[in-house]
Amino acid sequence: MPKYEDAPPEIAQAIKQSTITKEKHMPTPEITFRHGLCSASIFEQEFERGEEKFTVRTVSFQRSYLDKDGNWQTTNSLKVNDIPKAVLVLNKAYEFLTSNSFADADTDGEC
């Protein structure tokens, strides 16, 4: 469990909420970009500091693979041929986050 006692109040609350969220359910990404077995998902988290509310978006990258038993697993490690695919999905995530398109996008699906 993360130590949030020594963190600033808004960070401590975010860590505490994040821990609670993980225990209750997995958050749903706002949008996921895929190419081959590589994916980059954008997550949105709301914070409050006093009366001010703000949103922080983060990107989670992963590569899927089949293990020796035939079960799907994920990793953050890349093989050499995965690097261009990783760059592609991360560039798409960056473009999404730095443009105004996220305000207009239908983010229910995957790209």
N, C-alpha and C. Protein backbone atom coordinates (compact mmCIF):
# COMPACT_ATOMS: atom_id res chain seq x y z
N MET A 1 0.84 -1.18 0.00
CA MET A 1 0.00 0.00 0.00
C MET A 1 0.89 1.24 0.00
N PRO A 2 0.59 2.24 -0.85
CA PRO A 2 1.42 3.44 -0.91
C PRO A 2 1.40 4.19 0.42
N LYS A 3 2.53 4.82 0.74
CA LYS A 3 2.59 5.65 1.93
C LYS A 3 2.18 7.06 1.53
N TYR A 4 1.07 7.51 2.05
CA TYR A 4 0.61 8.84 1.68
C TYR A 4 0.61 9.79 2.87
N GLU A 5 1.04 9.33 4.03
CA GLU A 5 1.03 10.19 5.22
C GLU A 5 1.96 11.39 5.08
N ASP A 6 3.09 11.21 4.38
CA ASP A 6 4.08 12.28 4.26
C ASP A 6 3.89 13.15 3.03
N ALA A 7 2.96 12.80 2.17
CA ALA A 7 2.74 13.54 0.92
C ALA A 7 1.89 14.77 1.18
N PRO A 8 1.95 15.78 0.27
CA PRO A 8 1.05 16.94 0.38
C PRO A 8 -0.40 16.46 0.36
N PRO A 9 -1.32 17.20 0.99
CA PRO A 9 -2.71 16.74 1.14
C PRO A 9 -3.39 16.29 -0.15
N GLU A 10 -3.24 17.05 -1.24
CA GLU A 10 -3.93 16.67 -2.48
C GLU A 10 -3.34 15.39 -3.08
N ILE A 11 -2.03 15.21 -2.94
CA ILE A 11 -1.38 14.00 -3.43
C ILE A 11 -1.76 12.82 -2.55
N ALA A 12 -1.77 13.03 -1.24
CA ALA A 12 -2.15 11.97 -0.31
C ALA A 12 -3.56 11.47 -0.61
N GLN A 13 -4.47 12.40 -0.85
CA GLN A 13 -5.85 12.02 -1.15
C GLN A 13 -5.92 11.26 -2.47
N ALA A 14 -5.16 11.69 -3.46
CA ALA A 14 -5.15 11.01 -4.76
C ALA A 14 -4.63 9.58 -4.61
N ILE A 15 -3.56 9.41 -3.85
CA ILE A 15 -3.00 8.07 -3.63
C ILE A 15 -4.02 7.21 -2.90
N LYS A 16 -4.63 7.77 -1.88
CA LYS A 16 -5.63 7.03 -1.11
C LYS A 16 -6.79 6.62 -2.00
N GLN A 17 -7.31 7.55 -2.81
CA GLN A 17 -8.42 7.25 -3.72
C GLN A 17 -7.99 6.22 -4.75
N SER A 18 -6.79 6.35 -5.27
CA SER A 18 -6.28 5.41 -6.26
C SER A 18 -6.23 4.01 -5.67
N THR A 19 -5.78 3.89 -4.44
CA THR A 19 -5.71 2.59 -3.78
C THR A 19 -7.10 2.02 -3.58
N ILE A 20 -8.03 2.85 -3.16
CA ILE A 20 -9.40 2.39 -2.96
C ILE A 20 -10.00 1.95 -4.28
N THR A 21 -9.78 2.74 -5.34
CA THR A 21 -10.32 2.40 -6.66
C THR A 21 -9.80 1.06 -7.12
N LYS A 22 -8.51 0.81 -6.96
CA LYS A 22 -7.93 -0.45 -7.40
C LYS A 22 -8.53 -1.62 -6.64
N GLU A 23 -8.83 -1.42 -5.35
CA GLU A 23 -9.40 -2.50 -4.56
C GLU A 23 -10.84 -2.77 -4.97
N LYS A 24 -11.57 -1.76 -5.38
CA LYS A 24 -12.98 -1.93 -5.73
C LYS A 24 -13.16 -2.42 -7.16
N HIS A 25 -12.52 -1.78 -8.11
CA HIS A 25 -12.65 -2.14 -9.52
C HIS A 25 -11.53 -1.48 -10.32
N MET A 26 -11.32 -2.03 -11.49
CA MET A 26 -10.32 -1.45 -12.38
C MET A 26 -10.94 -0.27 -13.12
N PRO A 27 -10.24 0.85 -13.20
CA PRO A 27 -10.79 1.98 -13.94
C PRO A 27 -10.86 1.67 -15.44
N THR A 28 -11.80 2.30 -16.10
CA THR A 28 -11.98 2.12 -17.54
C THR A 28 -11.22 3.22 -18.27
N PRO A 29 -10.44 2.86 -19.28
CA PRO A 29 -9.71 3.91 -20.01
C PRO A 29 -10.67 4.81 -20.78
N GLU A 30 -10.26 6.05 -20.94
CA GLU A 30 -11.01 7.01 -21.74
C GLU A 30 -10.97 6.58 -23.21
N ILE A 31 -9.81 6.13 -23.65
CA ILE A 31 -9.64 5.65 -25.02
C ILE A 31 -8.38 4.78 -25.06
N THR A 32 -8.36 3.81 -25.96
CA THR A 32 -7.20 2.93 -26.13
C THR A 32 -6.79 2.92 -27.59
N PHE A 33 -5.50 3.11 -27.83
CA PHE A 33 -4.94 3.02 -29.18
C PHE A 33 -4.19 1.70 -29.27
N ARG A 34 -4.44 0.93 -30.34
CA ARG A 34 -3.81 -0.38 -30.51
C ARG A 34 -3.13 -0.49 -31.87
N HIS A 35 -2.03 -1.22 -31.87
CA HIS A 35 -1.37 -1.61 -33.11
C HIS A 35 -0.68 -2.93 -32.82
N GLY A 36 -1.10 -3.97 -33.51
CA GLY A 36 -0.56 -5.29 -33.21
C GLY A 36 -0.87 -5.66 -31.77
N LEU A 37 0.14 -6.07 -31.05
CA LEU A 37 -0.04 -6.47 -29.66
C LEU A 37 0.25 -5.34 -28.67
N CYS A 38 0.56 -4.15 -29.19
CA CYS A 38 0.87 -3.00 -28.35
C CYS A 38 -0.35 -2.11 -28.18
N SER A 39 -0.52 -1.56 -26.98
CA SER A 39 -1.63 -0.64 -26.75
C SER A 39 -1.21 0.46 -25.78
N ALA A 40 -1.82 1.61 -25.97
CA ALA A 40 -1.65 2.75 -25.07
C ALA A 40 -3.04 3.22 -24.69
N SER A 41 -3.33 3.20 -23.40
CA SER A 41 -4.64 3.61 -22.89
C SER A 41 -4.51 4.90 -22.12
N ILE A 42 -5.50 5.78 -22.30
CA ILE A 42 -5.52 7.06 -21.59
C ILE A 42 -6.56 6.98 -20.49
N PHE A 43 -6.13 7.31 -19.29
CA PHE A 43 -7.01 7.32 -18.14
C PHE A 43 -7.17 8.75 -17.64
N GLU A 44 -8.36 9.06 -17.17
CA GLU A 44 -8.67 10.39 -16.67
C GLU A 44 -8.98 10.28 -15.18
N GLN A 45 -8.39 11.18 -14.40
CA GLN A 45 -8.66 11.18 -12.97
C GLN A 45 -8.97 12.60 -12.52
N GLU A 46 -10.05 12.75 -11.76
CA GLU A 46 -10.48 14.05 -11.26
C GLU A 46 -9.88 14.29 -9.88
N PHE A 47 -9.43 15.51 -9.64
CA PHE A 47 -8.88 15.90 -8.35
C PHE A 47 -9.53 17.19 -7.90
N GLU A 48 -9.51 17.42 -6.60
CA GLU A 48 -9.98 18.68 -6.03
C GLU A 48 -8.89 19.23 -5.13
N ARG A 49 -8.65 20.52 -5.26
CA ARG A 49 -7.74 21.23 -4.38
C ARG A 49 -8.51 22.43 -3.87
N GLY A 50 -8.98 22.33 -2.65
CA GLY A 50 -9.86 23.37 -2.14
C GLY A 50 -11.16 23.32 -2.92
N GLU A 51 -11.51 24.44 -3.52
CA GLU A 51 -12.72 24.48 -4.35
C GLU A 51 -12.42 24.30 -5.82
N GLU A 52 -11.15 24.19 -6.15
CA GLU A 52 -10.74 24.02 -7.54
C GLU A 52 -10.73 22.54 -7.92
N LYS A 53 -11.36 22.23 -9.05
CA LYS A 53 -11.35 20.87 -9.57
C LYS A 53 -10.49 20.84 -10.83
N PHE A 54 -9.72 19.78 -10.98
CA PHE A 54 -8.92 19.64 -12.19
C PHE A 54 -8.82 18.18 -12.57
N THR A 55 -8.48 17.96 -13.84
CA THR A 55 -8.39 16.62 -14.41
C THR A 55 -6.95 16.33 -14.80
N VAL A 56 -6.50 15.15 -14.47
CA VAL A 56 -5.17 14.69 -14.88
C VAL A 56 -5.36 13.46 -15.75
N ARG A 57 -4.72 13.47 -16.91
CA ARG A 57 -4.77 12.30 -17.81
C ARG A 57 -3.41 11.63 -17.79
N THR A 58 -3.43 10.31 -17.74
CA THR A 58 -2.20 9.52 -17.77
C THR A 58 -2.29 8.49 -18.88
N VAL A 59 -1.12 8.04 -19.33
CA VAL A 59 -1.06 7.03 -20.39
C VAL A 59 -0.44 5.77 -19.82
N SER A 60 -1.10 4.66 -20.08
CA SER A 60 -0.58 3.35 -19.68
C SER A 60 -0.27 2.56 -20.94
N PHE A 61 0.97 2.06 -21.03
CA PHE A 61 1.39 1.29 -22.19
C PHE A 61 1.54 -0.18 -21.80
N GLN A 62 1.16 -1.08 -22.71
CA GLN A 62 1.42 -2.50 -22.49
C GLN A 62 1.50 -3.25 -23.81
N ARG A 63 2.18 -4.39 -23.74
CA ARG A 63 2.24 -5.32 -24.87
C ARG A 63 1.66 -6.64 -24.40
N SER A 64 0.78 -7.21 -25.20
CA SER A 64 0.17 -8.50 -24.88
C SER A 64 0.99 -9.62 -25.49
N TYR A 65 0.93 -10.78 -24.86
CA TYR A 65 1.61 -11.96 -25.39
C TYR A 65 0.95 -13.22 -24.83
N LEU A 66 1.16 -14.33 -25.52
CA LEU A 66 0.67 -15.62 -25.04
C LEU A 66 1.79 -16.30 -24.25
N ASP A 67 1.46 -16.75 -23.04
CA ASP A 67 2.47 -17.46 -22.26
C ASP A 67 2.56 -18.93 -22.70
N LYS A 68 3.43 -19.69 -22.07
CA LYS A 68 3.67 -21.07 -22.48
C LYS A 68 2.43 -21.96 -22.34
N ASP A 69 1.46 -21.53 -21.50
CA ASP A 69 0.22 -22.30 -21.32
C ASP A 69 -0.89 -21.82 -22.24
N GLY A 70 -0.59 -20.83 -23.09
CA GLY A 70 -1.59 -20.32 -24.03
C GLY A 70 -2.51 -19.27 -23.43
N ASN A 71 -2.13 -18.70 -22.29
CA ASN A 71 -2.93 -17.65 -21.65
C ASN A 71 -2.37 -16.28 -22.01
N TRP A 72 -3.27 -15.31 -22.24
CA TRP A 72 -2.83 -13.96 -22.55
C TRP A 72 -2.30 -13.28 -21.30
N GLN A 73 -1.16 -12.63 -21.45
CA GLN A 73 -0.51 -11.87 -20.39
C GLN A 73 -0.13 -10.50 -20.96
N THR A 74 0.24 -9.58 -20.08
CA THR A 74 0.72 -8.28 -20.54
C THR A 74 2.06 -7.97 -19.88
N THR A 75 2.83 -7.14 -20.57
CA THR A 75 4.14 -6.71 -20.08
C THR A 75 4.41 -5.30 -20.58
N ASN A 76 5.38 -4.67 -19.97
CA ASN A 76 5.85 -3.36 -20.44
C ASN A 76 7.15 -3.49 -21.20
N SER A 77 7.68 -4.72 -21.28
CA SER A 77 8.92 -4.98 -22.01
C SER A 77 8.63 -5.15 -23.49
N LEU A 78 9.58 -4.74 -24.31
CA LEU A 78 9.40 -4.79 -25.76
C LEU A 78 10.46 -5.64 -26.42
N LYS A 79 10.06 -6.32 -27.48
CA LYS A 79 11.01 -6.96 -28.38
C LYS A 79 11.33 -5.93 -29.46
N VAL A 80 12.40 -6.14 -30.19
CA VAL A 80 12.86 -5.14 -31.16
C VAL A 80 11.76 -4.79 -32.17
N ASN A 81 10.99 -5.77 -32.63
CA ASN A 81 9.94 -5.50 -33.62
C ASN A 81 8.72 -4.81 -33.02
N ASP A 82 8.63 -4.75 -31.69
CA ASP A 82 7.52 -4.06 -31.04
C ASP A 82 7.76 -2.56 -30.93
N ILE A 83 9.01 -2.13 -31.05
CA ILE A 83 9.34 -0.72 -30.82
C ILE A 83 8.60 0.21 -31.77
N PRO A 84 8.56 -0.04 -33.10
CA PRO A 84 7.80 0.87 -33.97
C PRO A 84 6.31 0.90 -33.62
N LYS A 85 5.75 -0.23 -33.20
CA LYS A 85 4.33 -0.27 -32.83
C LYS A 85 4.10 0.53 -31.55
N ALA A 86 5.04 0.42 -30.61
CA ALA A 86 4.93 1.18 -29.38
C ALA A 86 5.00 2.68 -29.67
N VAL A 87 5.93 3.07 -30.51
CA VAL A 87 6.07 4.48 -30.89
C VAL A 87 4.77 4.97 -31.53
N LEU A 88 4.18 4.17 -32.40
CA LEU A 88 2.95 4.55 -33.08
C LEU A 88 1.81 4.79 -32.08
N VAL A 89 1.56 3.84 -31.18
CA VAL A 89 0.43 4.01 -30.25
C VAL A 89 0.71 5.13 -29.25
N LEU A 90 1.96 5.30 -28.84
CA LEU A 90 2.28 6.39 -27.92
C LEU A 90 2.18 7.75 -28.61
N ASN A 91 2.55 7.83 -29.89
CA ASN A 91 2.36 9.07 -30.65
C ASN A 91 0.88 9.41 -30.79
N LYS A 92 0.06 8.39 -31.03
CA LYS A 92 -1.39 8.63 -31.12
C LYS A 92 -1.93 9.13 -29.78
N ALA A 93 -1.47 8.56 -28.69
CA ALA A 93 -1.89 9.01 -27.36
C ALA A 93 -1.45 10.45 -27.13
N TYR A 94 -0.22 10.77 -27.50
CA TYR A 94 0.29 12.12 -27.34
C TYR A 94 -0.52 13.12 -28.17
N GLU A 95 -0.80 12.75 -29.42
CA GLU A 95 -1.59 13.62 -30.29
C GLU A 95 -2.98 13.85 -29.69
N PHE A 96 -3.59 12.81 -29.19
CA PHE A 96 -4.91 12.91 -28.57
C PHE A 96 -4.88 13.87 -27.38
N LEU A 97 -3.86 13.72 -26.54
CA LEU A 97 -3.77 14.53 -25.33
C LEU A 97 -3.41 15.99 -25.59
N THR A 98 -2.67 16.25 -26.66
CA THR A 98 -2.21 17.62 -26.91
C THR A 98 -3.07 18.37 -27.90
N SER A 99 -4.08 17.72 -28.43
CA SER A 99 -5.01 18.41 -29.32
C SER A 99 -6.32 18.64 -28.58
N ASN A 100 -7.20 19.37 -29.18
CA ASN A 100 -8.52 19.57 -28.60
C ASN A 100 -9.45 18.43 -28.95
N SER A 101 -8.95 17.43 -29.67
CA SER A 101 -9.83 16.36 -30.12
C SER A 101 -10.41 15.55 -28.98
N PHE A 102 -9.73 15.51 -27.82
CA PHE A 102 -10.28 14.71 -26.75
C PHE A 102 -11.59 15.28 -26.23
N ALA A 103 -11.81 16.58 -26.40
CA ALA A 103 -13.07 17.17 -25.97
C ALA A 103 -14.21 16.78 -26.89
N ASP A 104 -13.89 16.55 -28.18
CA ASP A 104 -14.91 16.24 -29.16
C ASP A 104 -15.00 14.75 -29.48
N ALA A 105 -14.02 13.97 -29.04
CA ALA A 105 -13.94 12.57 -29.45
C ALA A 105 -14.99 11.72 -28.76
N ASP A 106 -15.45 10.71 -29.48
CA ASP A 106 -16.27 9.67 -28.89
C ASP A 106 -15.28 8.68 -28.31
N THR A 107 -15.14 8.67 -27.00
CA THR A 107 -14.09 7.87 -26.37
C THR A 107 -14.60 6.55 -25.83
N ASP A 108 -15.74 6.08 -26.33
CA ASP A 108 -16.26 4.81 -25.86
C ASP A 108 -15.54 3.63 -26.49
N GLY A 109 -14.90 3.83 -27.62
CA GLY A 109 -14.33 2.71 -28.35
C GLY A 109 -12.83 2.69 -28.30
N GLU A 110 -12.29 1.96 -29.22
CA GLU A 110 -10.85 1.84 -29.35
C GLU A 110 -10.45 2.26 -30.74
N CYS A 111 -9.23 2.70 -30.88
CA CYS A 111 -8.72 3.10 -32.19
C CYS A 111 -7.68 2.13 -32.66
